[in-house]
Amino acid sequence: MRRKQKGFWQTFSSVIGACLVGYFVYHTVQGDRGWVAMIRMQHEVRAAEATLERLQAERQELQHRTKLLQGKVLDPDLLEEKSRELLNYSRPGEIVVLIPEENGQKGNIP
């Protein structure tokens, strides 16, 4: 009888140990802070970094264009471009191509 009880407790403790190990392995892989979540987060970080780079380049371009409009000397080409865009003017013989709005920006001539 003692031998059966000892075998039962050994089997029972092995099963409980295996369940605990399985629980921790599952949550290491599939949990909220597990391996799969880490991979997903890395993809989100890469996408955010790409967006950041794009927006920084766009900001630099806008700062450059702003510098051209400020100061004592204005860039005549940029001034003409902006005035024609704001007043919707075109020269005789020009073909105007309208581009649909994208990302909330006005469509303008490329």
PDB file of N, CA and C in Angstrom:
ATOM      1  N   MET A   1       0.806  -1.183   0.000  1.00  0.00           N
ATOM      2  CA  MET A   1       0.000   0.000   0.000  1.00  0.00           C
ATOM      3  C   MET A   1       0.859   1.260   0.000  1.00  0.00           C
ATOM      4  N   ARG A   2       1.919   1.239   0.770  1.00  0.00           N
ATOM      5  CA  ARG A   2       2.811   2.389   0.820  1.00  0.00           C
ATOM      6  C   ARG A   2       3.447   2.644  -0.546  1.00  0.00           C
ATOM      7  N   ARG A   3       3.763   1.595  -1.212  1.00  0.00           N
ATOM      8  CA  ARG A   3       4.401   1.716  -2.521  1.00  0.00           C
ATOM      9  C   ARG A   3       3.452   2.374  -3.519  1.00  0.00           C
ATOM     10  N   LYS A   4       2.170   2.026  -3.468  1.00  0.00           N
ATOM     11  CA  LYS A   4       1.196   2.626  -4.373  1.00  0.00           C
ATOM     12  C   LYS A   4       1.029   4.105  -4.063  1.00  0.00           C
ATOM     13  N   GLN A   5       0.990   4.456  -2.790  1.00  0.00           N
ATOM     14  CA  GLN A   5       0.858   5.860  -2.418  1.00  0.00           C
ATOM     15  C   GLN A   5       2.080   6.656  -2.873  1.00  0.00           C
ATOM     16  N   LYS A   6       3.260   6.065  -2.703  1.00  0.00           N
ATOM     17  CA  LYS A   6       4.483   6.751  -3.123  1.00  0.00           C
ATOM     18  C   LYS A   6       4.494   6.962  -4.642  1.00  0.00           C
ATOM     19  N   GLY A   7       4.085   5.962  -5.393  1.00  0.00           N
ATOM     20  CA  GLY A   7       4.012   6.071  -6.856  1.00  0.00           C
ATOM     21  C   GLY A   7       2.977   7.100  -7.285  1.00  0.00           C
ATOM     22  N   PHE A   8       1.854   7.127  -6.548  1.00  0.00           N
ATOM     23  CA  PHE A   8       0.813   8.102  -6.855  1.00  0.00           C
ATOM     24  C   PHE A   8       1.337   9.521  -6.646  1.00  0.00           C
ATOM     25  N   TRP A   9       1.985   9.789  -5.526  1.00  0.00           N
ATOM     26  CA  TRP A   9       2.487  11.118  -5.241  1.00  0.00           C
ATOM     27  C   TRP A   9       3.601  11.521  -6.206  1.00  0.00           C
ATOM     28  N   GLN A  10       4.418  10.595  -6.610  1.00  0.00           N
ATOM     29  CA  GLN A  10       5.457  10.906  -7.598  1.00  0.00           C
ATOM     30  C   GLN A  10       4.827  11.277  -8.934  1.00  0.00           C
ATOM     31  N   THR A  11       3.837  10.505  -9.343  1.00  0.00           N
ATOM     32  CA  THR A  11       3.148  10.785 -10.605  1.00  0.00           C
ATOM     33  C   THR A  11       2.405  12.119 -10.514  1.00  0.00           C
ATOM     34  N   PHE A  12       1.706  12.309  -9.395  1.00  0.00           N
ATOM     35  CA  PHE A  12       0.955  13.542  -9.188  1.00  0.00           C
ATOM     36  C   PHE A  12       1.871  14.767  -9.202  1.00  0.00           C
ATOM     37  N   SER A  13       2.979  14.704  -8.493  1.00  0.00           N
ATOM     38  CA  SER A  13       3.911  15.843  -8.470  1.00  0.00           C
ATOM     39  C   SER A  13       4.550  16.072  -9.841  1.00  0.00           C
ATOM     40  N   SER A  14       4.792  14.998 -10.595  1.00  0.00           N
ATOM     41  CA  SER A  14       5.337  15.149 -11.954  1.00  0.00           C
ATOM     42  C   SER A  14       4.328  15.838 -12.863  1.00  0.00           C
ATOM     43  N   VAL A  15       3.071  15.466 -12.747  1.00  0.00           N
ATOM     44  CA  VAL A  15       2.022  16.075 -13.570  1.00  0.00           C
ATOM     45  C   VAL A  15       1.866  17.553 -13.202  1.00  0.00           C
ATOM     46  N   ILE A  16       1.840  17.862 -11.899  1.00  0.00           N
ATOM     47  CA  ILE A  16       1.733  19.260 -11.465  1.00  0.00           C
ATOM     48  C   ILE A  16       2.944  20.061 -11.960  1.00  0.00           C
ATOM     49  N   GLY A  17       4.150  19.489 -11.846  1.00  0.00           N
ATOM     50  CA  GLY A  17       5.358  20.160 -12.326  1.00  0.00           C
ATOM     51  C   GLY A  17       5.290  20.415 -13.826  1.00  0.00           C
ATOM     52  N   ALA A  18       4.829  19.413 -14.588  1.00  0.00           N
ATOM     53  CA  ALA A  18       4.710  19.565 -16.042  1.00  0.00           C
ATOM     54  C   ALA A  18       3.681  20.643 -16.382  1.00  0.00           C
ATOM     55  N   CYS A  19       2.588  20.697 -15.629  1.00  0.00           N
ATOM     56  CA  CYS A  19       1.569  21.727 -15.864  1.00  0.00           C
ATOM     57  C   CYS A  19       2.138  23.116 -15.580  1.00  0.00           C
ATOM     58  N   LEU A  20       2.890  23.246 -14.497  1.00  0.00           N
ATOM     59  CA  LEU A  20       3.505  24.535 -14.187  1.00  0.00           C
ATOM     60  C   LEU A  20       4.490  24.960 -15.264  1.00  0.00           C
ATOM     61  N   VAL A  21       5.320  24.034 -15.711  1.00  0.00           N
ATOM     62  CA  VAL A  21       6.274  24.343 -16.778  1.00  0.00           C
ATOM     63  C   VAL A  21       5.528  24.726 -18.053  1.00  0.00           C
ATOM     64  N   GLY A  22       4.484  23.987 -18.390  1.00  0.00           N
ATOM     65  CA  GLY A  22       3.680  24.301 -19.572  1.00  0.00           C
ATOM     66  C   GLY A  22       3.039  25.674 -19.478  1.00  0.00           C
ATOM     67  N   TYR A  23       2.536  26.013 -18.296  1.00  0.00           N
ATOM     68  CA  TYR A  23       1.921  27.319 -18.067  1.00  0.00           C
ATOM     69  C   TYR A  23       2.929  28.429 -18.329  1.00  0.00           C
ATOM     70  N   PHE A  24       4.111  28.314 -17.751  1.00  0.00           N
ATOM     71  CA  PHE A  24       5.120  29.366 -17.913  1.00  0.00           C
ATOM     72  C   PHE A  24       5.655  29.427 -19.346  1.00  0.00           C
ATOM     73  N   VAL A  25       5.800  28.281 -19.989  1.00  0.00           N
ATOM     74  CA  VAL A  25       6.251  28.271 -21.388  1.00  0.00           C
ATOM     75  C   VAL A  25       5.206  28.935 -22.276  1.00  0.00           C
ATOM     76  N   TYR A  26       3.937  28.613 -22.066  1.00  0.00           N
ATOM     77  CA  TYR A  26       2.866  29.217 -22.857  1.00  0.00           C
ATOM     78  C   TYR A  26       2.893  30.741 -22.717  1.00  0.00           C
ATOM     79  N   HIS A  27       2.982  31.227 -21.481  1.00  0.00           N
ATOM     80  CA  HIS A  27       2.956  32.670 -21.274  1.00  0.00           C
ATOM     81  C   HIS A  27       4.258  33.338 -21.724  1.00  0.00           C
ATOM     82  N   THR A  28       5.341  32.615 -21.785  1.00  0.00           N
ATOM     83  CA  THR A  28       6.583  33.163 -22.322  1.00  0.00           C
ATOM     84  C   THR A  28       6.453  33.398 -23.824  1.00  0.00           C
ATOM     85  N   VAL A  29       5.728  32.534 -24.490  1.00  0.00           N
ATOM     86  CA  VAL A  29       5.569  32.652 -25.943  1.00  0.00           C
ATOM     87  C   VAL A  29       4.355  33.498 -26.306  1.00  0.00           C
ATOM     88  N   GLN A  30       3.193  33.209 -25.733  1.00  0.00           N
ATOM     89  CA  GLN A  30       1.939  33.825 -26.157  1.00  0.00           C
ATOM     90  C   GLN A  30       1.416  34.910 -25.234  1.00  0.00           C
ATOM     91  N   GLY A  31       2.029  35.161 -24.116  1.00  0.00           N
ATOM     92  CA  GLY A  31       1.503  36.116 -23.142  1.00  0.00           C
ATOM     93  C   GLY A  31       1.551  37.550 -23.624  1.00  0.00           C
ATOM     94  N   ASP A  32       1.009  38.441 -22.782  1.00  0.00           N
ATOM     95  CA  ASP A  32       0.965  39.872 -23.122  1.00  0.00           C
ATOM     96  C   ASP A  32       2.356  40.450 -23.341  1.00  0.00           C
ATOM     97  N   ARG A  33       3.328  39.927 -22.645  1.00  0.00           N
ATOM     98  CA  ARG A  33       4.711  40.386 -22.802  1.00  0.00           C
ATOM     99  C   ARG A  33       5.610  39.256 -23.297  1.00  0.00           C
ATOM    100  N   GLY A  34       5.033  38.349 -24.039  1.00  0.00           N
ATOM    101  CA  GLY A  34       5.759  37.178 -24.516  1.00  0.00           C
ATOM    102  C   GLY A  34       6.518  37.436 -25.805  1.00  0.00           C
ATOM    103  N   TRP A  35       7.019  36.352 -26.352  1.00  0.00           N
ATOM    104  CA  TRP A  35       7.850  36.407 -27.551  1.00  0.00           C
ATOM    105  C   TRP A  35       7.066  36.949 -28.751  1.00  0.00           C
ATOM    106  N   VAL A  36       5.844  36.478 -28.941  1.00  0.00           N
ATOM    107  CA  VAL A  36       5.032  36.919 -30.086  1.00  0.00           C
ATOM    108  C   VAL A  36       4.721  38.415 -29.956  1.00  0.00           C
ATOM    109  N   ALA A  37       4.409  38.871 -28.744  1.00  0.00           N
ATOM    110  CA  ALA A  37       4.142  40.301 -28.524  1.00  0.00           C
ATOM    111  C   ALA A  37       5.394  41.123 -28.807  1.00  0.00           C
ATOM    112  N   MET A  38       6.565  40.581 -28.461  1.00  0.00           N
ATOM    113  CA  MET A  38       7.810  41.296 -28.714  1.00  0.00           C
ATOM    114  C   MET A  38       8.037  41.461 -30.222  1.00  0.00           C
ATOM    115  N   ILE A  39       7.797  40.412 -30.983  1.00  0.00           N
ATOM    116  CA  ILE A  39       7.954  40.477 -32.447  1.00  0.00           C
ATOM    117  C   ILE A  39       6.981  41.505 -33.030  1.00  0.00           C
ATOM    118  N   ARG A  40       5.735  41.485 -32.574  1.00  0.00           N
ATOM    119  CA  ARG A  40       4.732  42.442 -33.055  1.00  0.00           C
ATOM    120  C   ARG A  40       5.161  43.872 -32.711  1.00  0.00           C
ATOM    121  N   MET A  41       5.655  44.072 -31.527  1.00  0.00           N
ATOM    122  CA  MET A  41       6.083  45.412 -31.097  1.00  0.00           C
ATOM    123  C   MET A  41       7.283  45.895 -31.920  1.00  0.00           C
ATOM    124  N   GLN A  42       8.196  44.996 -32.260  1.00  0.00           N
ATOM    125  CA  GLN A  42       9.346  45.374 -33.084  1.00  0.00           C
ATOM    126  C   GLN A  42       8.891  45.848 -34.464  1.00  0.00           C
ATOM    127  N   HIS A  43       7.877  45.190 -35.030  1.00  0.00           N
ATOM    128  CA  HIS A  43       7.345  45.626 -36.326  1.00  0.00           C
ATOM    129  C   HIS A  43       6.707  47.020 -36.200  1.00  0.00           C
ATOM    130  N   GLU A  44       5.985  47.249 -35.117  1.00  0.00           N
ATOM    131  CA  GLU A  44       5.372  48.558 -34.906  1.00  0.00           C
ATOM    132  C   GLU A  44       6.431  49.641 -34.743  1.00  0.00           C
ATOM    133  N   VAL A  45       7.526  49.314 -34.064  1.00  0.00           N
ATOM    134  CA  VAL A  45       8.611  50.281 -33.873  1.00  0.00           C
ATOM    135  C   VAL A  45       9.247  50.619 -35.214  1.00  0.00           C
ATOM    136  N   ARG A  46       9.481  49.607 -36.056  1.00  0.00           N
ATOM    137  CA  ARG A  46      10.065  49.868 -37.383  1.00  0.00           C
ATOM    138  C   ARG A  46       9.155  50.765 -38.216  1.00  0.00           C
ATOM    139  N   ALA A  47       7.846  50.499 -38.172  1.00  0.00           N
ATOM    140  CA  ALA A  47       6.900  51.324 -38.928  1.00  0.00           C
ATOM    141  C   ALA A  47       6.891  52.760 -38.405  1.00  0.00           C
ATOM    142  N   ALA A  48       6.942  52.914 -37.085  1.00  0.00           N
ATOM    143  CA  ALA A  48       6.961  54.250 -36.495  1.00  0.00           C
ATOM    144  C   ALA A  48       8.248  54.990 -36.847  1.00  0.00           C
ATOM    145  N   GLU A  49       9.371  54.281 -36.876  1.00  0.00           N
ATOM    146  CA  GLU A  49      10.638  54.919 -37.249  1.00  0.00           C
ATOM    147  C   GLU A  49      10.615  55.366 -38.702  1.00  0.00           C
ATOM    148  N   ALA A  50      10.022  54.562 -39.578  1.00  0.00           N
ATOM    149  CA  ALA A  50       9.919  54.945 -40.989  1.00  0.00           C
ATOM    150  C   ALA A  50       9.041  56.189 -41.135  1.00  0.00           C
ATOM    151  N   THR A  51       7.943  56.225 -40.394  1.00  0.00           N
ATOM    152  CA  THR A  51       7.073  57.400 -40.420  1.00  0.00           C
ATOM    153  C   THR A  51       7.807  58.623 -39.897  1.00  0.00           C
ATOM    154  N   LEU A  52       8.574  58.440 -38.829  1.00  0.00           N
ATOM    155  CA  LEU A  52       9.347  59.544 -38.262  1.00  0.00           C
ATOM    156  C   LEU A  52      10.347  60.086 -39.275  1.00  0.00           C
ATOM    157  N   GLU A  53      11.054  59.219 -39.966  1.00  0.00           N
ATOM    158  CA  GLU A  53      12.027  59.660 -40.968  1.00  0.00           C
ATOM    159  C   GLU A  53      11.347  60.442 -42.091  1.00  0.00           C
ATOM    160  N   ARG A  54      10.198  59.930 -42.527  1.00  0.00           N
ATOM    161  CA  ARG A  54       9.463  60.605 -43.600  1.00  0.00           C
ATOM    162  C   ARG A  54       9.007  61.985 -43.146  1.00  0.00           C
ATOM    163  N   LEU A  55       8.480  62.065 -41.932  1.00  0.00           N
ATOM    164  CA  LEU A  55       7.997  63.352 -41.428  1.00  0.00           C
ATOM    165  C   LEU A  55       9.134  64.329 -41.169  1.00  0.00           C
ATOM    166  N   GLN A  56      10.283  63.824 -40.732  1.00  0.00           N
ATOM    167  CA  GLN A  56      11.430  64.707 -40.530  1.00  0.00           C
ATOM    168  C   GLN A  56      11.920  65.281 -41.863  1.00  0.00           C
ATOM    169  N   ALA A  57      11.938  64.448 -42.895  1.00  0.00           N
ATOM    170  CA  ALA A  57      12.347  64.935 -44.218  1.00  0.00           C
ATOM    171  C   ALA A  57      11.351  65.975 -44.727  1.00  0.00           C
ATOM    172  N   GLU A  58      10.062  65.715 -44.518  1.00  0.00           N
ATOM    173  CA  GLU A  58       9.036  66.667 -44.942  1.00  0.00           C
ATOM    174  C   GLU A  58       9.174  67.980 -44.169  1.00  0.00           C
ATOM    175  N   ARG A  59       9.469  67.884 -42.885  1.00  0.00           N
ATOM    176  CA  ARG A  59       9.646  69.085 -42.066  1.00  0.00           C
ATOM    177  C   ARG A  59      10.851  69.901 -42.543  1.00  0.00           C
ATOM    178  N   GLN A  60      11.950  69.219 -42.857  1.00  0.00           N
ATOM    179  CA  GLN A  60      13.128  69.934 -43.359  1.00  0.00           C
ATOM    180  C   GLN A  60      12.814  70.660 -44.657  1.00  0.00           C
ATOM    181  N   GLU A  61      12.068  70.000 -45.523  1.00  0.00           N
ATOM    182  CA  GLU A  61      11.694  70.621 -46.796  1.00  0.00           C
ATOM    183  C   GLU A  61      10.837  71.859 -46.550  1.00  0.00           C
ATOM    184  N   LEU A  62       9.875  71.738 -45.630  1.00  0.00           N
ATOM    185  CA  LEU A  62       9.022  72.889 -45.330  1.00  0.00           C
ATOM    186  C   LEU A  62       9.814  74.018 -44.672  1.00  0.00           C
ATOM    187  N   GLN A  63      10.764  73.676 -43.811  1.00  0.00           N
ATOM    188  CA  GLN A  63      11.603  74.709 -43.202  1.00  0.00           C
ATOM    189  C   GLN A  63      12.446  75.419 -44.258  1.00  0.00           C
ATOM    190  N   HIS A  64      12.946  74.657 -45.207  1.00  0.00           N
ATOM    191  CA  HIS A  64      13.748  75.245 -46.291  1.00  0.00           C
ATOM    192  C   HIS A  64      12.892  76.201 -47.119  1.00  0.00           C
ATOM    193  N   ARG A  65      11.687  75.759 -47.453  1.00  0.00           N
ATOM    194  CA  ARG A  65      10.806  76.617 -48.251  1.00  0.00           C
ATOM    195  C   ARG A  65      10.399  77.861 -47.467  1.00  0.00           C
ATOM    196  N   THR A  66      10.221  77.715 -46.151  1.00  0.00           N
ATOM    197  CA  THR A  66       9.881  78.863 -45.316  1.00  0.00           C
ATOM    198  C   THR A  66      11.022  79.859 -45.271  1.00  0.00           C
ATOM    199  N   LYS A  67      12.247  79.345 -45.190  1.00  0.00           N
ATOM    200  CA  LYS A  67      13.426  80.233 -45.185  1.00  0.00           C
ATOM    201  C   LYS A  67      13.502  81.035 -46.471  1.00  0.00           C
ATOM    202  N   LEU A  68      13.121  80.412 -47.573  1.00  0.00           N
ATOM    203  CA  LEU A  68      13.171  81.116 -48.855  1.00  0.00           C
ATOM    204  C   LEU A  68      12.157  82.255 -48.910  1.00  0.00           C
ATOM    205  N   LEU A  69      11.075  82.142 -48.150  1.00  0.00           N
ATOM    206  CA  LEU A  69      10.057  83.194 -48.151  1.00  0.00           C
ATOM    207  C   LEU A  69      10.310  84.258 -47.089  1.00  0.00           C
ATOM    208  N   GLN A  70      11.234  84.018 -46.175  1.00  0.00           N
ATOM    209  CA  GLN A  70      11.512  84.983 -45.115  1.00  0.00           C
ATOM    210  C   GLN A  70      12.748  85.809 -45.456  1.00  0.00           C
ATOM    211  N   GLY A  71      12.942  86.828 -44.686  1.00  0.00           N
ATOM    212  CA  GLY A  71      14.151  87.622 -44.851  1.00  0.00           C
ATOM    213  C   GLY A  71      13.971  88.749 -45.837  1.00  0.00           C
ATOM    214  N   LYS A  72      15.092  89.399 -46.144  1.00  0.00           N
ATOM    215  CA  LYS A  72      15.066  90.556 -47.039  1.00  0.00           C
ATOM    216  C   LYS A  72      14.961  90.144 -48.506  1.00  0.00           C
ATOM    217  N   VAL A  73      15.518  88.983 -48.839  1.00  0.00           N
ATOM    218  CA  VAL A  73      15.529  88.540 -50.222  1.00  0.00           C
ATOM    219  C   VAL A  73      14.571  87.360 -50.373  1.00  0.00           C
ATOM    220  N   LEU A  74      13.569  87.527 -51.216  1.00  0.00           N
ATOM    221  CA  LEU A  74      12.620  86.448 -51.483  1.00  0.00           C
ATOM    222  C   LEU A  74      13.033  85.712 -52.744  1.00  0.00           C
ATOM    223  N   ASP A  75      12.827  84.421 -52.748  1.00  0.00           N
ATOM    224  CA  ASP A  75      13.094  83.628 -53.942  1.00  0.00           C
ATOM    225  C   ASP A  75      11.955  83.890 -54.934  1.00  0.00           C
ATOM    226  N   PRO A  76      12.255  84.495 -56.084  1.00  0.00           N
ATOM    227  CA  PRO A  76      11.180  84.866 -57.022  1.00  0.00           C
ATOM    228  C   PRO A  76      10.383  83.667 -57.531  1.00  0.00           C
ATOM    229  N   ASP A  77      11.053  82.547 -57.771  1.00  0.00           N
ATOM    230  CA  ASP A  77      10.345  81.382 -58.285  1.00  0.00           C
ATOM    231  C   ASP A  77       9.346  80.846 -57.253  1.00  0.00           C
ATOM    232  N   LEU A  78       9.783  80.774 -56.014  1.00  0.00           N
ATOM    233  CA  LEU A  78       8.901  80.273 -54.967  1.00  0.00           C
ATOM    234  C   LEU A  78       7.747  81.243 -54.732  1.00  0.00           C
ATOM    235  N   LEU A  79       8.038  82.529 -54.771  1.00  0.00           N
ATOM    236  CA  LEU A  79       6.998  83.533 -54.595  1.00  0.00           C
ATOM    237  C   LEU A  79       5.951  83.426 -55.708  1.00  0.00           C
ATOM    238  N   GLU A  80       6.419  83.246 -56.942  1.00  0.00           N
ATOM    239  CA  GLU A  80       5.486  83.103 -58.068  1.00  0.00           C
ATOM    240  C   GLU A  80       4.654  81.837 -57.922  1.00  0.00           C
ATOM    241  N   GLU A  81       5.303  80.764 -57.544  1.00  0.00           N
ATOM    242  CA  GLU A  81       4.596  79.486 -57.382  1.00  0.00           C
ATOM    243  C   GLU A  81       3.498  79.602 -56.328  1.00  0.00           C
ATOM    244  N   LYS A  82       3.832  80.193 -55.182  1.00  0.00           N
ATOM    245  CA  LYS A  82       2.852  80.310 -54.107  1.00  0.00           C
ATOM    246  C   LYS A  82       1.715  81.254 -54.489  1.00  0.00           C
ATOM    247  N   SER A  83       2.036  82.370 -55.120  1.00  0.00           N
ATOM    248  CA  SER A  83       0.984  83.318 -55.495  1.00  0.00           C
ATOM    249  C   SER A  83       0.058  82.704 -56.549  1.00  0.00           C
ATOM    250  N   ARG A  84       0.607  81.973 -57.487  1.00  0.00           N
ATOM    251  CA  ARG A  84      -0.229  81.330 -58.507  1.00  0.00           C
ATOM    252  C   ARG A  84      -1.099  80.245 -57.884  1.00  0.00           C
ATOM    253  N   GLU A  85      -0.547  79.524 -56.917  1.00  0.00           N
ATOM    254  CA  GLU A  85      -1.313  78.472 -56.246  1.00  0.00           C
ATOM    255  C   GLU A  85      -2.460  79.061 -55.427  1.00  0.00           C
ATOM    256  N   LEU A  86      -2.168  80.119 -54.666  1.00  0.00           N
ATOM    257  CA  LEU A  86      -3.197  80.713 -53.814  1.00  0.00           C
ATOM    258  C   LEU A  86      -4.272  81.446 -54.604  1.00  0.00           C
ATOM    259  N   LEU A  87      -3.896  82.094 -55.698  1.00  0.00           N
ATOM    260  CA  LEU A  87      -4.843  82.873 -56.485  1.00  0.00           C
ATOM    261  C   LEU A  87      -5.452  82.077 -57.640  1.00  0.00           C
ATOM    262  N   ASN A  88      -5.020  80.846 -57.821  1.00  0.00           N
ATOM    263  CA  ASN A  88      -5.509  79.980 -58.900  1.00  0.00           C
ATOM    264  C   ASN A  88      -5.303  80.608 -60.276  1.00  0.00           C
ATOM    265  N   TYR A  89      -4.132  81.151 -60.501  1.00  0.00           N
ATOM    266  CA  TYR A  89      -3.783  81.742 -61.784  1.00  0.00           C
ATOM    267  C   TYR A  89      -2.958  80.749 -62.598  1.00  0.00           C
ATOM    268  N   SER A  90      -3.051  80.899 -63.896  1.00  0.00           N
ATOM    269  CA  SER A  90      -2.179  80.141 -64.796  1.00  0.00           C
ATOM    270  C   SER A  90      -1.861  81.042 -65.986  1.00  0.00           C
ATOM    271  N   ARG A  91      -0.813  80.707 -66.670  1.00  0.00           N
ATOM    272  CA  ARG A  91      -0.408  81.487 -67.835  1.00  0.00           C
ATOM    273  C   ARG A  91      -1.173  80.991 -69.062  1.00  0.00           C
ATOM    274  N   PRO A  92      -1.312  81.851 -70.045  1.00  0.00           N
ATOM    275  CA  PRO A  92      -1.981  81.403 -71.277  1.00  0.00           C
ATOM    276  C   PRO A  92      -1.180  80.260 -71.912  1.00  0.00           C
ATOM    277  N   GLY A  93      -1.882  79.234 -72.336  1.00  0.00           N
ATOM    278  CA  GLY A  93      -1.240  78.105 -73.001  1.00  0.00           C
ATOM    279  C   GLY A  93      -0.798  77.013 -72.030  1.00  0.00           C
ATOM    280  N   GLU A  94      -0.899  77.237 -70.726  1.00  0.00           N
ATOM    281  CA  GLU A  94      -0.525  76.210 -69.757  1.00  0.00           C
ATOM    282  C   GLU A  94      -1.661  75.207 -69.594  1.00  0.00           C
ATOM    283  N   ILE A  95      -1.275  73.993 -69.333  1.00  0.00           N
ATOM    284  CA  ILE A  95      -2.255  72.956 -69.042  1.00  0.00           C
ATOM    285  C   ILE A  95      -2.224  72.712 -67.533  1.00  0.00           C
ATOM    286  N   VAL A  96      -3.369  72.831 -66.910  1.00  0.00           N
ATOM    287  CA  VAL A  96      -3.468  72.660 -65.462  1.00  0.00           C
ATOM    288  C   VAL A  96      -3.933  71.239 -65.177  1.00  0.00           C
ATOM    289  N   VAL A  97      -3.164  70.537 -64.365  1.00  0.00           N
ATOM    290  CA  VAL A  97      -3.508  69.167 -63.973  1.00  0.00           C
ATOM    291  C   VAL A  97      -3.876  69.202 -62.499  1.00  0.00           C
ATOM    292  N   LEU A  98      -5.108  68.825 -62.178  1.00  0.00           N
ATOM    293  CA  LEU A  98      -5.561  68.805 -60.796  1.00  0.00           C
ATOM    294  C   LEU A  98      -5.328  67.414 -60.211  1.00  0.00           C
ATOM    295  N   ILE A  99      -4.722  67.405 -59.053  1.00  0.00           N
ATOM    296  CA  ILE A  99      -4.433  66.145 -58.369  1.00  0.00           C
ATOM    297  C   ILE A  99      -5.378  66.046 -57.183  1.00  0.00           C
ATOM    298  N   PRO A 100      -6.039  64.882 -56.999  1.00  0.00           N
ATOM    299  CA  PRO A 100      -6.973  64.767 -55.868  1.00  0.00           C
ATOM    300  C   PRO A 100      -6.246  64.929 -54.537  1.00  0.00           C
ATOM    301  N   GLU A 101      -6.986  65.427 -53.544  1.00  0.00           N
ATOM    302  CA  GLU A 101      -6.401  65.656 -52.228  1.00  0.00           C
ATOM    303  C   GLU A 101      -5.915  64.349 -51.622  1.00  0.00           C
ATOM    304  N   GLU A 102      -4.777  64.440 -50.928  1.00  0.00           N
ATOM    305  CA  GLU A 102      -4.191  63.264 -50.281  1.00  0.00           C
ATOM    306  C   GLU A 102      -3.662  63.695 -48.929  1.00  0.00           C
ATOM    307  N   ASN A 103      -4.038  62.999 -47.877  1.00  0.00           N
ATOM    308  CA  ASN A 103      -3.586  63.298 -46.510  1.00  0.00           C
ATOM    309  C   ASN A 103      -3.961  64.707 -46.077  1.00  0.00           C
ATOM    310  N   GLY A 104      -5.098  65.190 -46.539  1.00  0.00           N
ATOM    311  CA  GLY A 104      -5.554  66.503 -46.096  1.00  0.00           C
ATOM    312  C   GLY A 104      -4.827  67.672 -46.740  1.00  0.00           C
ATOM    313  N   GLN A 105      -3.967  67.432 -47.720  1.00  0.00           N
ATOM    314  CA  GLN A 105      -3.232  68.509 -48.374  1.00  0.00           C
ATOM    315  C   GLN A 105      -3.977  68.909 -49.642  1.00  0.00           C
ATOM    316  N   LYS A 106      -3.785  70.158 -50.028  1.00  0.00           N
ATOM    317  CA  LYS A 106      -4.378  70.615 -51.281  1.00  0.00           C
ATOM    318  C   LYS A 106      -3.701  69.946 -52.460  1.00  0.00           C
ATOM    319  N   GLY A 107      -4.477  69.638 -53.488  1.00  0.00           N
ATOM    320  CA  GLY A 107      -3.875  69.146 -54.704  1.00  0.00           C
ATOM    321  C   GLY A 107      -3.221  70.304 -55.431  1.00  0.00           C
ATOM    322  N   ASN A 108      -2.019  70.135 -55.895  1.00  0.00           N
ATOM    323  CA  ASN A 108      -1.334  71.212 -56.609  1.00  0.00           C
ATOM    324  C   ASN A 108      -0.576  70.644 -57.790  1.00  0.00           C
ATOM    325  N   ILE A 109      -0.067  71.529 -58.568  1.00  0.00           N
ATOM    326  CA  ILE A 109       0.638  71.136 -59.780  1.00  0.00           C
ATOM    327  C   ILE A 109       2.008  70.576 -59.381  1.00  0.00           C
ATOM    328  N   PRO A 110       2.370  69.385 -59.878  1.00  0.00           N
ATOM    329  CA  PRO A 110       3.658  68.778 -59.506  1.00  0.00           C
ATOM    330  C   PRO A 110       4.831  69.524 -60.068  1.00  0.00           C
TER     331      PRO A 110
END
